[in-house]
Protein backbone atom coordinates (compact mmCIF):
# COMPACT_ATOMS: atom_id res chain seq x y z
CA UNK A 1 10.40 29.51 4.48
CA UNK A 2 9.76 26.29 6.44
CA UNK A 3 6.18 24.99 6.31
CA UNK A 4 4.27 25.01 9.59
CA UNK A 5 4.12 21.72 11.46
CA UNK A 6 0.87 19.81 11.26
CA UNK A 7 2.02 17.00 13.57
CA UNK A 8 4.82 17.15 16.14
CA UNK A 9 6.01 14.28 18.31
CA UNK A 10 8.34 15.37 21.07
CA UNK A 11 10.12 12.58 22.97
CA UNK A 12 7.13 10.25 23.02
CA UNK A 13 7.36 6.89 24.77
CA UNK A 14 4.97 4.02 25.46
CA UNK A 15 5.46 0.72 27.27
CA UNK A 16 3.19 -2.28 27.72
CA UNK A 17 3.16 -5.25 30.10
CA UNK A 18 3.75 -3.09 33.13
CA UNK A 19 6.74 -1.38 31.58
CA UNK A 20 8.52 -4.57 30.49
CA UNK A 21 7.83 -4.07 26.79
CA UNK A 22 8.76 -0.66 25.37
CA UNK A 23 6.88 -0.16 22.09
CA UNK A 24 7.94 3.45 21.46
CA UNK A 25 11.09 4.94 22.95
CA UNK A 26 11.84 8.68 22.80
CA UNK A 27 10.53 9.38 19.29
CA UNK A 28 10.73 12.97 18.05
CA UNK A 29 9.26 13.77 14.64
CA UNK A 30 7.94 16.84 12.80
CA UNK A 31 5.55 16.54 9.85
CA UNK A 32 4.91 19.69 7.84
CA UNK A 33 1.52 20.76 6.59
CA UNK A 34 0.78 19.16 3.23
CA UNK A 35 3.29 16.33 3.59
CA UNK A 36 2.59 12.66 3.01
CA UNK A 37 4.88 10.76 5.36
CA UNK A 38 5.21 6.97 5.44
CA UNK A 39 6.13 5.20 8.67
CA UNK A 40 7.97 1.94 7.94
CA UNK A 41 9.85 -0.73 9.83
CA UNK A 42 9.74 -4.38 10.86
CA UNK A 43 6.70 -5.83 12.60
CA UNK A 44 6.60 -4.79 16.25
CA UNK A 45 8.86 -1.76 15.80
CA UNK A 46 6.24 0.69 17.14
CA UNK A 47 4.69 2.08 13.95
CA UNK A 48 1.03 1.61 14.84
CA UNK A 49 1.55 2.61 18.48
CA UNK A 50 3.09 5.88 17.25
CA UNK A 51 0.19 6.45 14.86
CA UNK A 52 -2.47 5.77 17.51
CA UNK A 53 -0.80 8.13 19.97
CA UNK A 54 -1.56 11.05 17.65
CA UNK A 55 -5.33 10.80 18.08
CA UNK A 56 -5.12 9.33 21.59
CA UNK A 57 -6.28 5.83 20.74
CA UNK A 58 -3.24 5.04 22.90
CA UNK A 59 -2.22 7.24 25.82
CA UNK A 60 1.52 7.84 26.17
CA UNK A 61 3.72 7.30 29.21
CA UNK A 62 5.64 10.47 28.45
CA UNK A 63 6.31 13.02 25.73
CA UNK A 64 4.07 15.45 23.89
CA UNK A 65 2.05 15.16 20.69
CA UNK A 66 0.94 18.40 19.06
CA UNK A 67 -1.57 18.67 16.25
CA UNK A 68 -1.53 22.03 14.47
CA UNK A 69 0.43 23.48 17.39
CA UNK A 70 -1.87 22.28 20.19
CA UNK A 71 -1.07 19.46 22.60
CA UNK A 72 -3.51 16.60 22.06
CA UNK A 73 -3.75 16.18 25.85
CA UNK A 74 -5.45 19.57 26.04
CA UNK A 75 -8.31 18.39 23.81
CA UNK A 76 -11.07 15.96 24.71
CA UNK A 77 -10.16 12.67 22.96
CA UNK A 78 -13.46 12.18 21.06
CA UNK A 79 -13.35 15.80 19.88
CA UNK A 80 -9.76 15.34 18.74
CA UNK A 81 -10.61 12.19 16.76
CA UNK A 82 -13.42 13.94 14.93
CA UNK A 83 -10.88 16.49 13.66
CA UNK A 84 -8.54 13.82 12.26
CA UNK A 85 -9.39 11.37 9.49
CA UNK A 86 -8.45 7.74 10.20
CA UNK A 87 -8.26 4.88 7.72
CA UNK A 88 -8.15 1.59 9.60
CA UNK A 89 -6.30 -1.57 8.72
CA UNK A 90 -8.96 -3.84 7.25
CA UNK A 91 -11.25 -0.82 6.62
CA UNK A 92 -13.54 -1.33 9.65
CA UNK A 93 -16.84 -0.38 8.02
CA UNK A 94 -19.99 -1.10 10.01
CA UNK A 95 -21.62 -4.05 8.19
CA UNK A 96 -25.18 -3.22 9.26
CA UNK A 97 -24.98 0.32 7.86
CA UNK A 98 -25.16 1.54 4.29
CA UNK A 99 -22.25 3.18 2.53
CA UNK A 100 -23.91 6.57 3.04
CA UNK A 101 -24.39 5.92 6.76
CA UNK A 102 -20.78 4.77 7.17
CA UNK A 103 -19.42 7.85 5.42
CA UNK A 104 -21.69 10.21 7.32
CA UNK A 105 -20.78 9.04 10.84
CA UNK A 106 -18.35 11.84 11.75
CA UNK A 107 -20.37 14.70 10.21
CA UNK A 108 -23.38 13.37 12.13
CA UNK A 109 -21.43 13.30 15.39
CA UNK A 110 -20.33 16.86 14.70
CA UNK A 111 -23.97 17.94 14.39
CA UNK A 112 -24.08 18.71 10.67
CA UNK A 113 -27.59 19.23 9.25
CA UNK A 114 -28.86 16.15 7.41
CA UNK A 115 -28.99 17.84 3.96
CA UNK A 116 -25.31 18.82 4.37
CA UNK A 117 -24.39 15.27 5.33
CA UNK A 118 -26.21 13.87 2.30
CA UNK A 119 -24.49 16.34 -0.02
CA UNK A 120 -21.06 15.61 1.49
CA UNK A 121 -21.40 11.81 1.31
CA UNK A 122 -22.21 12.09 -2.40
CA UNK A 123 -19.32 14.52 -2.90
CA UNK A 124 -16.69 12.33 -1.24
CA UNK A 125 -17.91 9.26 -3.10
CA UNK A 126 -17.16 11.19 -6.28
CA UNK A 127 -13.72 12.07 -4.90
CA UNK A 128 -12.79 8.42 -4.30
CA UNK A 129 -14.11 7.34 -7.69
CA UNK A 130 -17.24 5.37 -6.81
CA UNK A 131 -20.69 5.80 -8.41
CA UNK A 132 -23.29 7.54 -6.28
CA UNK A 133 -25.69 4.61 -6.50
CA UNK A 134 -23.27 2.78 -4.16
CA UNK A 135 -24.49 5.00 -1.30
CA UNK A 136 -27.41 2.66 -0.65
CA UNK A 137 -25.32 -0.51 -0.65
CA UNK A 138 -24.02 -2.40 2.36
CA UNK A 139 -20.28 -3.12 2.71
CA UNK A 140 -20.73 -6.85 2.01
CA UNK A 141 -21.95 -5.96 -1.50
CA UNK A 142 -18.62 -4.29 -2.32
CA UNK A 143 -15.24 -5.63 -3.37
CA UNK A 144 -12.21 -5.17 -1.12
CA UNK A 145 -10.98 -2.23 -3.17
CA UNK A 146 -14.40 -0.59 -3.12
CA UNK A 147 -14.65 -1.00 0.66
CA UNK A 148 -11.25 0.61 1.03
CA UNK A 149 -12.38 3.56 -1.11
CA UNK A 150 -15.39 3.94 1.18
CA UNK A 151 -12.99 3.87 4.15
CA UNK A 152 -11.04 6.76 2.64
CA UNK A 153 -14.29 8.62 1.91
CA UNK A 154 -15.36 8.19 5.54
CA UNK A 155 -11.98 9.51 6.73
CA UNK A 156 -12.25 12.74 4.72
CA UNK A 157 -16.01 13.29 5.05
CA UNK A 158 -15.76 15.92 7.80
CA UNK A 159 -13.04 17.83 5.91
CA UNK A 160 -10.11 17.07 8.23
CA UNK A 161 -6.74 18.66 7.53
CA UNK A 162 -4.93 15.53 8.79
CA UNK A 163 -5.43 11.88 7.85
CA UNK A 164 -3.86 8.90 9.63
CA UNK A 165 -3.67 5.59 7.75
CA UNK A 166 -2.82 2.22 9.30
CA UNK A 167 -1.78 -0.25 6.57
CA UNK A 168 -4.62 1.10 4.43
CA UNK A 169 -4.01 -1.06 1.36
CA UNK A 170 -2.32 -4.08 2.91
CA UNK A 171 -5.15 -6.59 2.38
CA UNK A 172 -5.65 -5.78 -1.30
CA UNK A 173 -4.29 -7.53 -4.38
CA UNK A 174 -1.24 -5.82 -5.96
CA UNK A 175 -3.08 -4.23 -8.90
CA UNK A 176 -5.87 -2.78 -6.72
CA UNK A 177 -3.32 -1.69 -4.13
CA UNK A 178 -1.22 0.17 -6.69
CA UNK A 179 -4.27 1.91 -8.18
CA UNK A 180 -5.65 2.98 -4.81
CA UNK A 181 -2.28 4.21 -3.60
CA UNK A 182 -1.90 6.39 -6.68
CA UNK A 183 -5.48 7.63 -6.36
CA UNK A 184 -4.97 8.54 -2.70
CA UNK A 185 -1.73 10.38 -3.46
CA UNK A 186 -3.64 12.52 -5.99
CA UNK A 187 -6.48 13.09 -3.50
CA UNK A 188 -3.97 14.08 -0.81
CA UNK A 189 -2.49 16.68 -3.15
CA UNK A 190 -5.81 18.07 -4.42
CA UNK A 191 -7.29 18.45 -0.94
CA UNK A 192 -4.12 19.82 0.65
CA UNK A 193 -4.08 17.10 3.30
CA UNK A 194 -1.34 16.11 5.72
CA UNK A 195 -1.08 12.32 5.81
CA UNK A 196 0.83 9.91 8.03
CA UNK A 197 0.64 6.38 6.65
CA UNK A 198 1.89 3.21 8.34
CA UNK A 199 2.94 0.59 5.80
CA UNK A 200 5.10 -2.53 5.80
CA UNK A 201 5.60 -2.15 2.03
CA UNK A 202 8.78 -0.13 1.53
CA UNK A 203 8.20 0.10 -2.23
CA UNK A 204 4.79 1.66 -1.57
CA UNK A 205 6.43 4.16 0.79
CA UNK A 206 9.06 5.09 -1.80
CA UNK A 207 6.46 5.65 -4.52
CA UNK A 208 3.90 7.59 -2.47
CA UNK A 209 5.63 9.48 0.35
CA UNK A 210 7.35 12.86 0.43
CA UNK A 211 9.43 11.61 3.35
CA UNK A 212 9.85 8.24 5.05
CA UNK A 213 10.29 7.67 8.78
CA UNK A 214 12.11 4.41 9.54
CA UNK A 215 11.47 2.87 12.96
CA UNK A 216 13.53 0.17 14.62
CA UNK A 217 12.90 -1.34 18.07
CA UNK A 218 10.65 1.55 19.08
CA UNK A 219 13.06 4.30 18.05
CA UNK A 220 13.25 6.57 15.02
CA UNK A 221 16.20 5.28 13.01
CA UNK A 222 15.99 7.69 10.05
CA UNK A 223 13.70 10.32 8.55
CA UNK A 224 14.34 11.69 5.06
CA UNK A 225 13.18 11.74 1.46
CA UNK A 226 13.00 8.46 -0.45
CA UNK A 227 15.93 9.53 -2.63
CA UNK A 228 18.11 10.36 0.37
CA UNK A 229 17.23 7.13 2.16
CA UNK A 230 18.10 5.10 -0.92
CA UNK A 231 21.67 6.35 -0.47
CA UNK A 232 21.81 6.16 3.34
CA UNK A 233 24.44 4.19 5.23
CA UNK A 234 22.33 3.95 8.40
CA UNK A 235 22.17 0.15 9.02
CA UNK A 236 18.42 -0.28 9.71
CA UNK A 237 17.34 2.19 7.05
CA UNK A 238 19.77 0.81 4.46
CA UNK A 239 18.52 -2.75 5.04
CA UNK A 240 14.91 -1.69 4.46
CA UNK A 241 15.64 0.51 1.46
CA UNK A 242 17.65 -2.29 -0.18
CA UNK A 243 14.44 -4.26 -0.73
CA UNK A 244 12.83 -2.06 -3.40
CA UNK A 245 16.22 -1.72 -5.11
CA UNK A 246 16.61 -5.51 -5.26
CA UNK A 247 13.06 -5.89 -6.56
CA UNK A 248 13.66 -3.30 -9.28
CA UNK A 249 16.91 -5.00 -10.32
CA UNK A 250 15.23 -8.43 -10.50
CA UNK A 251 12.39 -7.05 -12.63
CA UNK A 252 14.91 -5.36 -14.94
CA UNK A 253 16.86 -8.61 -15.27
CA UNK A 254 13.71 -10.51 -16.25
CA UNK A 255 12.68 -7.86 -18.79
CA UNK A 256 16.16 -7.70 -20.32
CA UNK A 257 16.41 -11.50 -20.57
CA UNK A 258 18.90 -12.12 -17.78
CA UNK A 259 16.37 -13.69 -15.43
CA UNK A 260 14.09 -16.72 -15.72
CA UNK A 261 13.05 -17.75 -19.21
């Protein structure tokens, strides 16, 4: 039995500069409930525009986006955004607010009682692996990896079923990035989330995603499992998927003594 769709994009398109620059061109995509999908492609291919169209941070020229079967145009945009977790590129925490206040923003906007907000902020901090005494800290007292964990905690604080992530780990060092990616994949599974993640790191997509959507010049070039895309002959997808294969081969050569001394 096919899983129900959490996110559906039906022929979506978006242009800028008065129609001269087409960022997204007739993209159709279906993401099942519980999937973690990575959206990859060269810079300027339309990844972030596609992501932002889902919660109406960008309004489309044409096409339909459905979230859990309902067109997003039929829902007030602020209400829609409160139902969907969003992890921003560069985190985007409010510097003048404490960790607890940052995490509690969406529950507060939704009218949760203050004791429930306090309990939930502590709970999600546990989920992302930070001590509860961090709740009183300001973002500038945290490392980059810790701020990113707080960003994830904020995204899931109101118990959304769907999380959108825009280059969530891109500014982090490789070790922190790898650890956070693995931790989020486990959190995604445990909470039963549906996640769409934009990333420029194809290796990250291969290691974390159930399926990968490859975009090229605003269009969807390929959409399949990492294993299937590794064997694809589609030109754009094959060029992208060759990168992690080359990296793996170079690492193996170094380990086995065939690379640099």
